[in-house]
Amino acid sequence: MTTPITVLHQHGLTFHQTAPLRAAGHDTAEAVAQLVDEHRATVSSSTLSQLSGMGPRRIALVTDAVDAWRGGSS
């Protein structure tokens, strides 16, 4: 099952904040969650940290939104 990335808007992200993810083809919450997991394992070389428009603050917001989404989807 796939969940549209827009579900993360319910957890604090704006359309503008998810734009770099969508532009890179990561358009589901599951895909973004996978990026977050990878980022936590290898911060400096993660795909998330390499995406254009994804600075440290935006990454932190995305990570928080994914954590909140996961907490609510259990």
Protein backbone atom coordinates (compact mmCIF):
# COMPACT_ATOMS: atom_id res chain seq x y z
CA MET A 1 0.00 0.00 0.00
CA THR A 2 1.25 3.48 -0.79
CA THR A 3 0.36 6.68 0.99
CA PRO A 4 0.49 10.01 -0.86
CA ILE A 5 3.20 12.37 0.34
CA THR A 6 0.48 14.88 1.17
CA VAL A 7 -0.25 12.91 4.36
CA LEU A 8 2.95 14.45 5.72
CA HIS A 9 1.27 17.86 5.45
CA GLN A 10 -0.94 16.72 8.32
CA HIS A 11 2.23 16.36 10.39
CA GLY A 12 3.64 19.84 9.93
CA LEU A 13 5.11 19.97 6.43
CA THR A 14 3.93 22.42 3.82
CA PHE A 15 3.50 21.84 0.10
CA HIS A 16 6.61 24.01 -0.40
CA GLN A 17 8.66 21.87 2.01
CA THR A 18 7.79 18.65 0.20
CA ALA A 19 8.48 20.14 -3.25
CA PRO A 20 12.13 18.98 -3.48
CA LEU A 21 11.07 15.45 -2.55
CA ARG A 22 8.30 15.38 -5.15
CA ALA A 23 10.59 16.92 -7.79
CA ALA A 24 13.06 14.08 -7.18
CA GLY A 25 10.32 11.47 -7.64
CA HIS A 26 9.69 10.66 -3.97
CA ASP A 27 5.93 11.11 -3.95
CA THR A 28 4.80 8.70 -1.25
CA ALA A 29 5.15 8.81 2.51
CA GLU A 30 6.78 5.38 2.38
CA ALA A 31 9.44 6.58 -0.06
CA VAL A 32 10.19 9.58 2.14
CA ALA A 33 10.32 7.35 5.24
CA GLN A 34 12.89 5.18 3.46
CA LEU A 35 14.96 8.28 2.71
CA VAL A 36 14.78 9.27 6.38
CA ASP A 37 15.92 5.81 7.48
CA GLU A 38 18.82 5.91 5.04
CA HIS A 39 19.70 9.42 6.20
CA ARG A 40 19.87 8.34 9.82
CA ALA A 41 22.26 5.54 8.87
CA THR A 42 24.56 7.64 6.67
CA VAL A 43 23.91 11.33 7.25
CA SER A 44 26.63 12.89 5.10
CA SER A 45 26.14 10.67 2.07
CA SER A 46 22.40 10.06 2.20
CA THR A 47 20.16 10.71 -0.76
CA LEU A 48 18.08 13.04 1.41
CA SER A 49 21.07 15.25 2.21
CA GLN A 50 22.06 15.35 -1.46
CA LEU A 51 18.67 16.51 -2.79
CA SER A 52 18.61 20.06 -4.07
CA GLY A 53 16.67 22.29 -1.69
CA MET A 54 17.05 19.98 1.31
CA GLY A 55 19.06 21.88 3.89
CA PRO A 56 19.51 20.83 7.51
CA ARG A 57 16.36 22.58 8.75
CA ARG A 58 14.14 21.08 6.06
CA ILE A 59 15.62 17.62 6.67
CA ALA A 60 14.83 17.99 10.37
CA LEU A 61 11.24 18.96 9.55
CA VAL A 62 10.84 16.02 7.16
CA THR A 63 12.29 13.65 9.75
CA ASP A 64 9.90 14.94 12.42
CA ALA A 65 6.92 14.64 10.07
CA VAL A 66 7.82 11.06 9.13
CA ASP A 67 8.22 10.14 12.80
CA ALA A 68 4.82 11.67 13.59
CA TRP A 69 3.23 9.90 10.61
CA ARG A 70 4.69 6.57 11.68
CA GLY A 71 3.45 7.12 15.23
CA GLY A 72 -0.06 7.79 13.98
CA SER A 73 -0.16 5.00 11.40
CA SER A 74 0.63 2.17 13.83
